[in-house]
Amino acid sequence: MPEHTLHCTLTLDLPRATVFDFFADAANLGRLAPPELSFAILTPLPIEMNEGALIEYRMKLHGFAFNWKTRISAWSPPDYFIDEQLEGPYRQWIHRHTFSDGPHGSTVVVDEVRFRLPMAPLGEAVYPMVSKQLERIFLYRQEAITAILLPGSDTSPEPIGTLDIV
């Protein structure tokens, strides 16, 4: 069963501490998901984000509702954090969020997701559909981040990057 990688980059004209603080508030997760996912956090808020924190969600995709449970497996403010799926739709989902200083006081946000589809090898048959859905979700996410953190900005986010089979 192959491991796939989604790599996404976004540059925001804001200081790194401001951007990291936005991501460190789990309540913002629902603001970054497309409405059709019906994303809901089940874990009572506020969630203290740190290594070992557990977050449970419920969402819907193509009419099918499912729960998702993640653990923050690494936490290093304001540089990066990693969340890993413990329960959910993927065989593996490891999402590394990295924050670095960009030019002129901006922040570069890099999302790298390493994932494996369930039910190998049959799950690989739906990879083209899954990759398109992930591209759409992450593009929506970039647009939402930009709209929330830079309201009124006419700067478009950078393209989603690449989605490759490793």
N, C-alpha and C. Protein backbone atom coordinates (compact mmCIF):
# COMPACT_ATOMS: atom_id res chain seq x y z
N MET A 1 0.84 -1.17 0.00
CA MET A 1 0.00 0.00 0.00
C MET A 1 0.89 1.23 0.00
N PRO A 2 0.84 2.02 -1.04
CA PRO A 2 1.72 3.18 -1.15
C PRO A 2 1.33 4.30 -0.18
N GLU A 3 2.34 5.05 0.20
CA GLU A 3 2.12 6.25 0.98
C GLU A 3 2.07 7.42 0.00
N HIS A 4 1.06 8.26 0.12
CA HIS A 4 0.89 9.43 -0.72
C HIS A 4 1.28 10.67 0.09
N THR A 5 1.65 11.73 -0.61
CA THR A 5 2.03 12.97 0.06
C THR A 5 1.31 14.14 -0.57
N LEU A 6 0.71 14.96 0.26
CA LEU A 6 0.15 16.24 -0.16
C LEU A 6 1.08 17.31 0.41
N HIS A 7 1.49 18.23 -0.43
CA HIS A 7 2.37 19.32 0.00
C HIS A 7 1.72 20.63 -0.42
N CYS A 8 1.51 21.52 0.54
CA CYS A 8 0.76 22.75 0.30
C CYS A 8 1.49 23.90 0.98
N THR A 9 1.65 25.02 0.27
CA THR A 9 2.36 26.18 0.80
C THR A 9 1.50 27.44 0.67
N LEU A 10 1.52 28.26 1.71
CA LEU A 10 0.79 29.51 1.72
C LEU A 10 1.64 30.56 2.42
N THR A 11 1.79 31.73 1.83
CA THR A 11 2.53 32.82 2.45
C THR A 11 1.55 33.90 2.86
N LEU A 12 1.64 34.32 4.13
CA LEU A 12 0.75 35.33 4.68
C LEU A 12 1.57 36.52 5.17
N ASP A 13 1.11 37.71 4.89
CA ASP A 13 1.81 38.93 5.33
C ASP A 13 1.47 39.24 6.78
N LEU A 14 1.85 38.31 7.63
CA LEU A 14 1.63 38.45 9.08
C LEU A 14 2.82 37.81 9.79
N PRO A 15 3.10 38.24 11.03
CA PRO A 15 4.19 37.62 11.78
C PRO A 15 3.86 36.17 12.15
N ARG A 16 4.91 35.38 12.27
CA ARG A 16 4.76 33.95 12.54
C ARG A 16 3.97 33.69 13.83
N ALA A 17 4.23 34.44 14.89
CA ALA A 17 3.52 34.20 16.15
C ALA A 17 2.01 34.36 15.98
N THR A 18 1.58 35.34 15.20
CA THR A 18 0.16 35.57 14.96
C THR A 18 -0.46 34.39 14.20
N VAL A 19 0.23 33.94 13.17
CA VAL A 19 -0.28 32.83 12.36
C VAL A 19 -0.31 31.55 13.18
N PHE A 20 0.75 31.27 13.93
CA PHE A 20 0.78 30.05 14.73
C PHE A 20 -0.33 30.07 15.77
N ASP A 21 -0.53 31.22 16.42
CA ASP A 21 -1.60 31.31 17.43
C ASP A 21 -2.97 30.99 16.84
N PHE A 22 -3.22 31.40 15.60
CA PHE A 22 -4.48 31.07 14.94
C PHE A 22 -4.63 29.56 14.81
N PHE A 23 -3.57 28.88 14.36
CA PHE A 23 -3.62 27.43 14.19
C PHE A 23 -3.64 26.69 15.52
N ALA A 24 -3.11 27.31 16.56
CA ALA A 24 -3.06 26.67 17.88
C ALA A 24 -4.42 26.66 18.56
N ASP A 25 -5.38 27.38 18.04
CA ASP A 25 -6.74 27.40 18.60
C ASP A 25 -7.59 26.39 17.83
N ALA A 26 -7.83 25.25 18.44
CA ALA A 26 -8.58 24.18 17.76
C ALA A 26 -9.96 24.62 17.32
N ALA A 27 -10.52 25.63 17.96
CA ALA A 27 -11.85 26.12 17.57
C ALA A 27 -11.85 26.65 16.13
N ASN A 28 -10.69 27.00 15.60
CA ASN A 28 -10.62 27.51 14.23
C ASN A 28 -10.70 26.40 13.18
N LEU A 29 -10.56 25.15 13.58
CA LEU A 29 -10.58 24.05 12.60
C LEU A 29 -11.84 24.05 11.75
N GLY A 30 -12.97 24.22 12.38
CA GLY A 30 -14.23 24.21 11.64
C GLY A 30 -14.35 25.35 10.64
N ARG A 31 -13.67 26.46 10.91
CA ARG A 31 -13.71 27.61 10.01
C ARG A 31 -12.92 27.34 8.73
N LEU A 32 -12.07 26.31 8.74
CA LEU A 32 -11.21 26.02 7.59
C LEU A 32 -11.72 24.88 6.74
N ALA A 33 -12.84 24.29 7.11
CA ALA A 33 -13.40 23.16 6.36
C ALA A 33 -14.55 23.61 5.48
N PRO A 34 -14.62 23.10 4.25
CA PRO A 34 -15.74 23.44 3.38
C PRO A 34 -17.07 23.09 4.05
N PRO A 35 -18.11 23.91 3.85
CA PRO A 35 -19.40 23.67 4.52
C PRO A 35 -19.98 22.29 4.27
N GLU A 36 -19.79 21.74 3.07
CA GLU A 36 -20.39 20.44 2.77
C GLU A 36 -19.81 19.30 3.60
N LEU A 37 -18.70 19.54 4.30
CA LEU A 37 -18.13 18.50 5.18
C LEU A 37 -18.89 18.42 6.50
N SER A 38 -19.73 19.41 6.80
CA SER A 38 -20.47 19.44 8.07
C SER A 38 -19.55 19.15 9.25
N PHE A 39 -18.40 19.78 9.25
CA PHE A 39 -17.35 19.55 10.23
C PHE A 39 -17.78 20.01 11.61
N ALA A 40 -17.62 19.15 12.62
CA ALA A 40 -17.96 19.51 13.99
C ALA A 40 -16.91 18.92 14.92
N ILE A 41 -16.44 19.72 15.84
CA ILE A 41 -15.50 19.23 16.86
C ILE A 41 -16.33 18.63 17.99
N LEU A 42 -16.05 17.38 18.34
CA LEU A 42 -16.77 16.70 19.42
C LEU A 42 -16.11 16.91 20.77
N THR A 43 -14.82 17.11 20.79
CA THR A 43 -14.08 17.34 22.03
C THR A 43 -14.50 18.70 22.59
N PRO A 44 -14.82 18.76 23.88
CA PRO A 44 -15.22 20.05 24.47
C PRO A 44 -14.12 21.10 24.31
N LEU A 45 -14.56 22.31 23.96
CA LEU A 45 -13.65 23.45 23.80
C LEU A 45 -13.61 24.25 25.10
N PRO A 46 -12.53 24.95 25.39
CA PRO A 46 -11.30 25.02 24.60
C PRO A 46 -10.43 23.78 24.81
N ILE A 47 -9.65 23.47 23.81
CA ILE A 47 -8.72 22.33 23.86
C ILE A 47 -7.34 22.89 24.10
N GLU A 48 -6.68 22.41 25.14
CA GLU A 48 -5.31 22.84 25.39
C GLU A 48 -4.40 22.10 24.41
N MET A 49 -3.85 22.85 23.48
CA MET A 49 -3.01 22.24 22.46
C MET A 49 -1.61 22.03 23.02
N ASN A 50 -1.17 20.79 22.95
CA ASN A 50 0.17 20.41 23.37
C ASN A 50 0.41 18.99 22.88
N GLU A 51 1.62 18.51 23.02
CA GLU A 51 1.91 17.14 22.60
C GLU A 51 1.04 16.19 23.42
N GLY A 52 0.34 15.31 22.73
CA GLY A 52 -0.53 14.35 23.38
C GLY A 52 -2.00 14.75 23.38
N ALA A 53 -2.31 15.99 23.03
CA ALA A 53 -3.71 16.42 23.00
C ALA A 53 -4.51 15.58 22.01
N LEU A 54 -5.72 15.21 22.40
CA LEU A 54 -6.61 14.42 21.55
C LEU A 54 -7.77 15.29 21.11
N ILE A 55 -8.12 15.17 19.82
CA ILE A 55 -9.23 15.94 19.28
C ILE A 55 -10.11 15.00 18.47
N GLU A 56 -11.40 15.01 18.77
CA GLU A 56 -12.35 14.19 18.03
C GLU A 56 -13.28 15.09 17.24
N TYR A 57 -13.56 14.66 15.99
CA TYR A 57 -14.41 15.43 15.07
C TYR A 57 -15.46 14.49 14.49
N ARG A 58 -16.46 15.11 13.90
CA ARG A 58 -17.43 14.38 13.08
C ARG A 58 -17.55 15.19 11.80
N MET A 59 -17.61 14.49 10.67
CA MET A 59 -17.81 15.17 9.40
C MET A 59 -18.56 14.25 8.45
N LYS A 60 -18.90 14.82 7.32
CA LYS A 60 -19.68 14.09 6.32
C LYS A 60 -19.02 14.32 4.97
N LEU A 61 -18.91 13.25 4.19
CA LEU A 61 -18.34 13.36 2.85
C LEU A 61 -19.16 12.48 1.93
N HIS A 62 -19.66 13.06 0.86
CA HIS A 62 -20.50 12.34 -0.11
C HIS A 62 -21.66 11.62 0.58
N GLY A 63 -22.23 12.29 1.60
CA GLY A 63 -23.40 11.74 2.28
C GLY A 63 -23.09 10.76 3.38
N PHE A 64 -21.83 10.40 3.58
CA PHE A 64 -21.45 9.44 4.62
C PHE A 64 -20.83 10.17 5.80
N ALA A 65 -21.43 10.01 6.97
CA ALA A 65 -20.90 10.63 8.18
C ALA A 65 -19.87 9.69 8.80
N PHE A 66 -18.83 10.29 9.38
CA PHE A 66 -17.81 9.49 10.06
C PHE A 66 -17.14 10.34 11.14
N ASN A 67 -16.57 9.65 12.10
CA ASN A 67 -15.81 10.30 13.16
C ASN A 67 -14.32 10.21 12.83
N TRP A 68 -13.58 11.15 13.37
CA TRP A 68 -12.14 11.22 13.15
C TRP A 68 -11.52 11.61 14.49
N LYS A 69 -10.50 10.90 14.89
CA LYS A 69 -9.80 11.21 16.14
C LYS A 69 -8.33 11.40 15.83
N THR A 70 -7.76 12.53 16.29
CA THR A 70 -6.35 12.79 16.06
C THR A 70 -5.65 13.07 17.39
N ARG A 71 -4.35 12.87 17.34
CA ARG A 71 -3.48 13.17 18.48
C ARG A 71 -2.42 14.15 18.00
N ILE A 72 -2.13 15.15 18.79
CA ILE A 72 -1.00 16.02 18.50
C ILE A 72 0.25 15.25 18.93
N SER A 73 1.03 14.80 17.96
CA SER A 73 2.18 13.94 18.28
C SER A 73 3.47 14.74 18.44
N ALA A 74 3.47 15.99 17.99
CA ALA A 74 4.62 16.89 18.19
C ALA A 74 4.08 18.31 18.28
N TRP A 75 4.66 19.10 19.17
CA TRP A 75 4.19 20.46 19.42
C TRP A 75 5.40 21.33 19.72
N SER A 76 5.74 22.22 18.81
CA SER A 76 6.91 23.08 18.99
C SER A 76 6.60 24.51 18.51
N PRO A 77 5.83 25.27 19.33
CA PRO A 77 5.48 26.63 18.95
C PRO A 77 6.72 27.52 18.85
N PRO A 78 6.78 28.44 17.95
CA PRO A 78 5.87 28.72 16.85
C PRO A 78 6.36 28.11 15.54
N ASP A 79 7.09 26.99 15.63
CA ASP A 79 7.72 26.41 14.44
C ASP A 79 6.89 25.34 13.73
N TYR A 80 6.32 24.41 14.48
CA TYR A 80 5.58 23.34 13.83
C TYR A 80 4.74 22.57 14.84
N PHE A 81 3.81 21.80 14.32
CA PHE A 81 3.14 20.76 15.09
C PHE A 81 2.69 19.68 14.12
N ILE A 82 2.46 18.50 14.67
CA ILE A 82 2.05 17.34 13.87
C ILE A 82 0.81 16.74 14.50
N ASP A 83 -0.20 16.49 13.67
CA ASP A 83 -1.36 15.73 14.14
C ASP A 83 -1.42 14.42 13.37
N GLU A 84 -1.77 13.36 14.08
CA GLU A 84 -1.86 12.03 13.48
C GLU A 84 -3.22 11.44 13.75
N GLN A 85 -3.78 10.83 12.72
CA GLN A 85 -5.07 10.17 12.86
C GLN A 85 -4.91 8.91 13.71
N LEU A 86 -5.76 8.79 14.74
CA LEU A 86 -5.84 7.56 15.52
C LEU A 86 -7.00 6.70 15.05
N GLU A 87 -8.09 7.38 14.69
CA GLU A 87 -9.27 6.70 14.14
C GLU A 87 -9.82 7.59 13.03
N GLY A 88 -10.22 6.98 11.94
CA GLY A 88 -10.78 7.77 10.85
C GLY A 88 -10.75 7.03 9.54
N PRO A 89 -10.94 7.77 8.45
CA PRO A 89 -11.14 7.14 7.15
C PRO A 89 -9.86 6.65 6.47
N TYR A 90 -8.70 7.07 6.93
CA TYR A 90 -7.45 6.68 6.27
C TYR A 90 -6.75 5.58 7.06
N ARG A 91 -5.96 4.82 6.35
CA ARG A 91 -5.12 3.83 7.03
C ARG A 91 -4.02 4.57 7.79
N GLN A 92 -3.56 5.67 7.22
CA GLN A 92 -2.55 6.53 7.85
C GLN A 92 -2.83 7.97 7.44
N TRP A 93 -2.70 8.90 8.39
CA TRP A 93 -2.81 10.33 8.12
C TRP A 93 -1.88 11.03 9.10
N ILE A 94 -0.79 11.57 8.61
CA ILE A 94 0.17 12.31 9.42
C ILE A 94 0.31 13.69 8.78
N HIS A 95 -0.12 14.71 9.51
CA HIS A 95 -0.19 16.07 8.97
C HIS A 95 0.78 16.96 9.75
N ARG A 96 1.84 17.37 9.07
CA ARG A 96 2.84 18.27 9.67
C ARG A 96 2.55 19.70 9.20
N HIS A 97 2.37 20.60 10.16
CA HIS A 97 2.14 22.02 9.90
C HIS A 97 3.44 22.74 10.29
N THR A 98 4.08 23.41 9.33
CA THR A 98 5.33 24.10 9.60
C THR A 98 5.15 25.59 9.32
N PHE A 99 5.73 26.41 10.18
CA PHE A 99 5.64 27.86 10.09
C PHE A 99 7.05 28.44 10.10
N SER A 100 7.38 29.22 9.09
CA SER A 100 8.71 29.83 9.04
C SER A 100 8.60 31.28 8.60
N ASP A 101 9.65 32.04 8.94
CA ASP A 101 9.67 33.44 8.56
C ASP A 101 9.88 33.57 7.06
N GLY A 102 9.04 34.39 6.44
CA GLY A 102 9.17 34.67 5.02
C GLY A 102 9.73 36.08 4.83
N PRO A 103 9.77 36.53 3.60
CA PRO A 103 10.30 37.87 3.33
C PRO A 103 9.42 38.98 3.91
N HIS A 104 10.06 40.04 4.35
CA HIS A 104 9.38 41.26 4.81
C HIS A 104 8.40 41.00 5.95
N GLY A 105 8.76 40.12 6.88
CA GLY A 105 7.92 39.87 8.04
C GLY A 105 6.75 38.94 7.80
N SER A 106 6.71 38.29 6.65
CA SER A 106 5.61 37.37 6.35
C SER A 106 5.88 36.00 6.98
N THR A 107 4.90 35.14 6.90
CA THR A 107 5.01 33.78 7.41
C THR A 107 4.70 32.80 6.29
N VAL A 108 5.53 31.79 6.14
CA VAL A 108 5.30 30.72 5.18
C VAL A 108 4.72 29.54 5.95
N VAL A 109 3.53 29.12 5.56
CA VAL A 109 2.85 27.98 6.17
C VAL A 109 2.96 26.82 5.19
N VAL A 110 3.52 25.72 5.66
CA VAL A 110 3.65 24.53 4.82
C VAL A 110 2.88 23.39 5.49
N ASP A 111 2.00 22.81 4.73
CA ASP A 111 1.28 21.61 5.17
C ASP A 111 1.85 20.44 4.39
N GLU A 112 2.27 19.42 5.10
CA GLU A 112 2.68 18.18 4.46
C GLU A 112 1.87 17.06 5.09
N VAL A 113 1.11 16.38 4.26
CA VAL A 113 0.29 15.27 4.74
C VAL A 113 0.79 14.00 4.08
N ARG A 114 1.16 13.04 4.91
CA ARG A 114 1.51 11.71 4.42
C ARG A 114 0.34 10.79 4.76
N PHE A 115 -0.23 10.17 3.73
CA PHE A 115 -1.42 9.37 3.99
C PHE A 115 -1.40 8.07 3.19
N ARG A 116 -2.12 7.11 3.73
CA ARG A 116 -2.33 5.82 3.06
C ARG A 116 -3.83 5.58 3.05
N LEU A 117 -4.30 5.08 1.93
CA LEU A 117 -5.73 4.79 1.79
C LEU A 117 -6.07 3.45 2.42
N PRO A 118 -7.30 3.28 2.87
CA PRO A 118 -7.70 2.02 3.50
C PRO A 118 -7.93 0.93 2.45
N MET A 119 -8.10 -0.26 2.92
CA MET A 119 -8.50 -1.43 2.11
C MET A 119 -7.58 -1.68 0.92
N ALA A 120 -6.28 -1.61 1.17
CA ALA A 120 -5.34 -1.88 0.08
C ALA A 120 -5.51 -3.31 -0.41
N PRO A 121 -5.34 -3.58 -1.66
CA PRO A 121 -5.03 -2.66 -2.74
C PRO A 121 -6.27 -2.02 -3.37
N LEU A 122 -7.47 -2.43 -2.95
CA LEU A 122 -8.69 -1.88 -3.55
C LEU A 122 -8.83 -0.37 -3.31
N GLY A 123 -8.37 0.11 -2.17
CA GLY A 123 -8.47 1.53 -1.86
C GLY A 123 -7.75 2.40 -2.87
N GLU A 124 -6.70 1.86 -3.47
CA GLU A 124 -5.94 2.64 -4.45
C GLU A 124 -6.76 2.97 -5.70
N ALA A 125 -7.80 2.20 -5.95
CA ALA A 125 -8.64 2.46 -7.12
C ALA A 125 -9.35 3.82 -7.01
N VAL A 126 -9.57 4.30 -5.79
CA VAL A 126 -10.25 5.58 -5.61
C VAL A 126 -9.26 6.73 -5.40
N TYR A 127 -7.96 6.45 -5.51
CA TYR A 127 -6.95 7.50 -5.30
C TYR A 127 -7.21 8.75 -6.15
N PRO A 128 -7.52 8.64 -7.45
CA PRO A 128 -7.76 9.86 -8.23
C PRO A 128 -8.88 10.73 -7.64
N MET A 129 -9.94 10.10 -7.17
CA MET A 129 -11.04 10.84 -6.57
C MET A 129 -10.62 11.46 -5.23
N VAL A 130 -9.90 10.70 -4.43
CA VAL A 130 -9.43 11.20 -3.13
C VAL A 130 -8.48 12.38 -3.32
N SER A 131 -7.56 12.27 -4.26
CA SER A 131 -6.59 13.35 -4.45
C SER A 131 -7.30 14.63 -4.91
N LYS A 132 -8.29 14.52 -5.78
CA LYS A 132 -9.04 15.70 -6.21
C LYS A 132 -9.80 16.32 -5.03
N GLN A 133 -10.39 15.47 -4.20
CA GLN A 133 -11.13 15.97 -3.03
C GLN A 133 -10.17 16.68 -2.07
N LEU A 134 -9.01 16.10 -1.83
CA LEU A 134 -8.04 16.74 -0.94
C LEU A 134 -7.54 18.07 -1.50
N GLU A 135 -7.29 18.11 -2.79
CA GLU A 135 -6.90 19.38 -3.42
C GLU A 135 -7.96 20.44 -3.18
N ARG A 136 -9.21 20.07 -3.38
CA ARG A 136 -10.31 21.02 -3.20
C ARG A 136 -10.42 21.47 -1.75
N ILE A 137 -10.28 20.54 -0.81
CA ILE A 137 -10.37 20.87 0.61
C ILE A 137 -9.23 21.80 1.02
N PHE A 138 -8.02 21.50 0.56
CA PHE A 138 -6.87 22.33 0.95
C PHE A 138 -6.88 23.68 0.25
N LEU A 139 -7.41 23.75 -0.95
CA LEU A 139 -7.55 25.05 -1.60
C LEU A 139 -8.58 25.90 -0.85
N TYR A 140 -9.69 25.29 -0.46
CA TYR A 140 -10.69 26.00 0.34
C TYR A 140 -10.05 26.49 1.64
N ARG A 141 -9.26 25.63 2.26
CA ARG A 141 -8.58 25.94 3.51
C ARG A 141 -7.67 27.16 3.34
N GLN A 142 -6.90 27.18 2.25
CA GLN A 142 -6.02 28.33 2.01
C GLN A 142 -6.83 29.62 1.84
N GLU A 143 -7.90 29.54 1.10
CA GLU A 143 -8.74 30.71 0.88
C GLU A 143 -9.37 31.18 2.19
N ALA A 144 -9.81 30.24 3.03
CA ALA A 144 -10.42 30.58 4.31
C ALA A 144 -9.39 31.23 5.24
N ILE A 145 -8.20 30.67 5.30
CA ILE A 145 -7.14 31.24 6.15
C ILE A 145 -6.86 32.67 5.72
N THR A 146 -6.71 32.87 4.42
CA THR A 146 -6.43 34.21 3.90
C THR A 146 -7.57 35.17 4.23
N ALA A 147 -8.81 34.75 4.04
CA ALA A 147 -9.96 35.62 4.30
C ALA A 147 -10.09 35.96 5.78
N ILE A 148 -9.79 35.01 6.65
CA ILE A 148 -9.92 35.24 8.09
C ILE A 148 -8.77 36.11 8.62
N LEU A 149 -7.55 35.76 8.24
CA LEU A 149 -6.39 36.46 8.80
C LEU A 149 -6.05 37.76 8.07
N LEU A 150 -6.44 37.85 6.82
CA LEU A 150 -6.17 39.07 6.04
C LEU A 150 -7.46 39.57 5.41
N PRO A 151 -8.46 39.94 6.23
CA PRO A 151 -9.74 40.37 5.66
C PRO A 151 -9.55 41.58 4.76
N GLY A 152 -10.26 41.56 3.64
CA GLY A 152 -10.17 42.65 2.69
C GLY A 152 -8.96 42.59 1.80
N SER A 153 -8.13 41.57 2.00
CA SER A 153 -6.93 41.43 1.17
C SER A 153 -7.33 40.96 -0.22
N ASP A 154 -6.72 41.55 -1.23
CA ASP A 154 -6.98 41.08 -2.59
C ASP A 154 -5.84 40.21 -3.07
N THR A 155 -5.00 39.76 -2.12
CA THR A 155 -3.90 38.87 -2.46
C THR A 155 -4.42 37.44 -2.46
N SER A 156 -4.26 36.76 -3.57
CA SER A 156 -4.68 35.37 -3.66
C SER A 156 -3.63 34.47 -3.05
N PRO A 157 -4.04 33.36 -2.42
CA PRO A 157 -3.06 32.43 -1.89
C PRO A 157 -2.31 31.75 -3.03
N GLU A 158 -1.13 31.25 -2.68
CA GLU A 158 -0.35 30.53 -3.68
C GLU A 158 -1.09 29.25 -4.06
N PRO A 159 -0.77 28.67 -5.21
CA PRO A 159 -1.40 27.40 -5.59
C PRO A 159 -1.14 26.34 -4.53
N ILE A 160 -1.96 25.33 -4.55
CA ILE A 160 -1.91 24.30 -3.51
C ILE A 160 -0.56 23.59 -3.46
N GLY A 161 0.21 23.60 -4.48
CA GLY A 161 1.48 22.89 -4.48
C GLY A 161 1.34 21.59 -5.24
N THR A 162 1.82 20.53 -4.63
CA THR A 162 1.79 19.26 -5.33
C THR A 162 1.11 18.19 -4.50
N LEU A 163 0.63 17.19 -5.15
CA LEU A 163 0.05 16.02 -4.52
C LEU A 163 0.65 14.84 -5.26
N ASP A 164 1.64 14.20 -4.67
CA ASP A 164 2.40 13.17 -5.37
C ASP A 164 2.30 11.82 -4.67
N ILE A 165 2.44 10.78 -5.45
CA ILE A 165 2.59 9.43 -4.89
C ILE A 165 4.08 9.22 -4.65
N VAL A 166 4.40 8.86 -3.43
CA VAL A 166 5.81 8.64 -3.08
C VAL A 166 6.14 7.16 -3.22
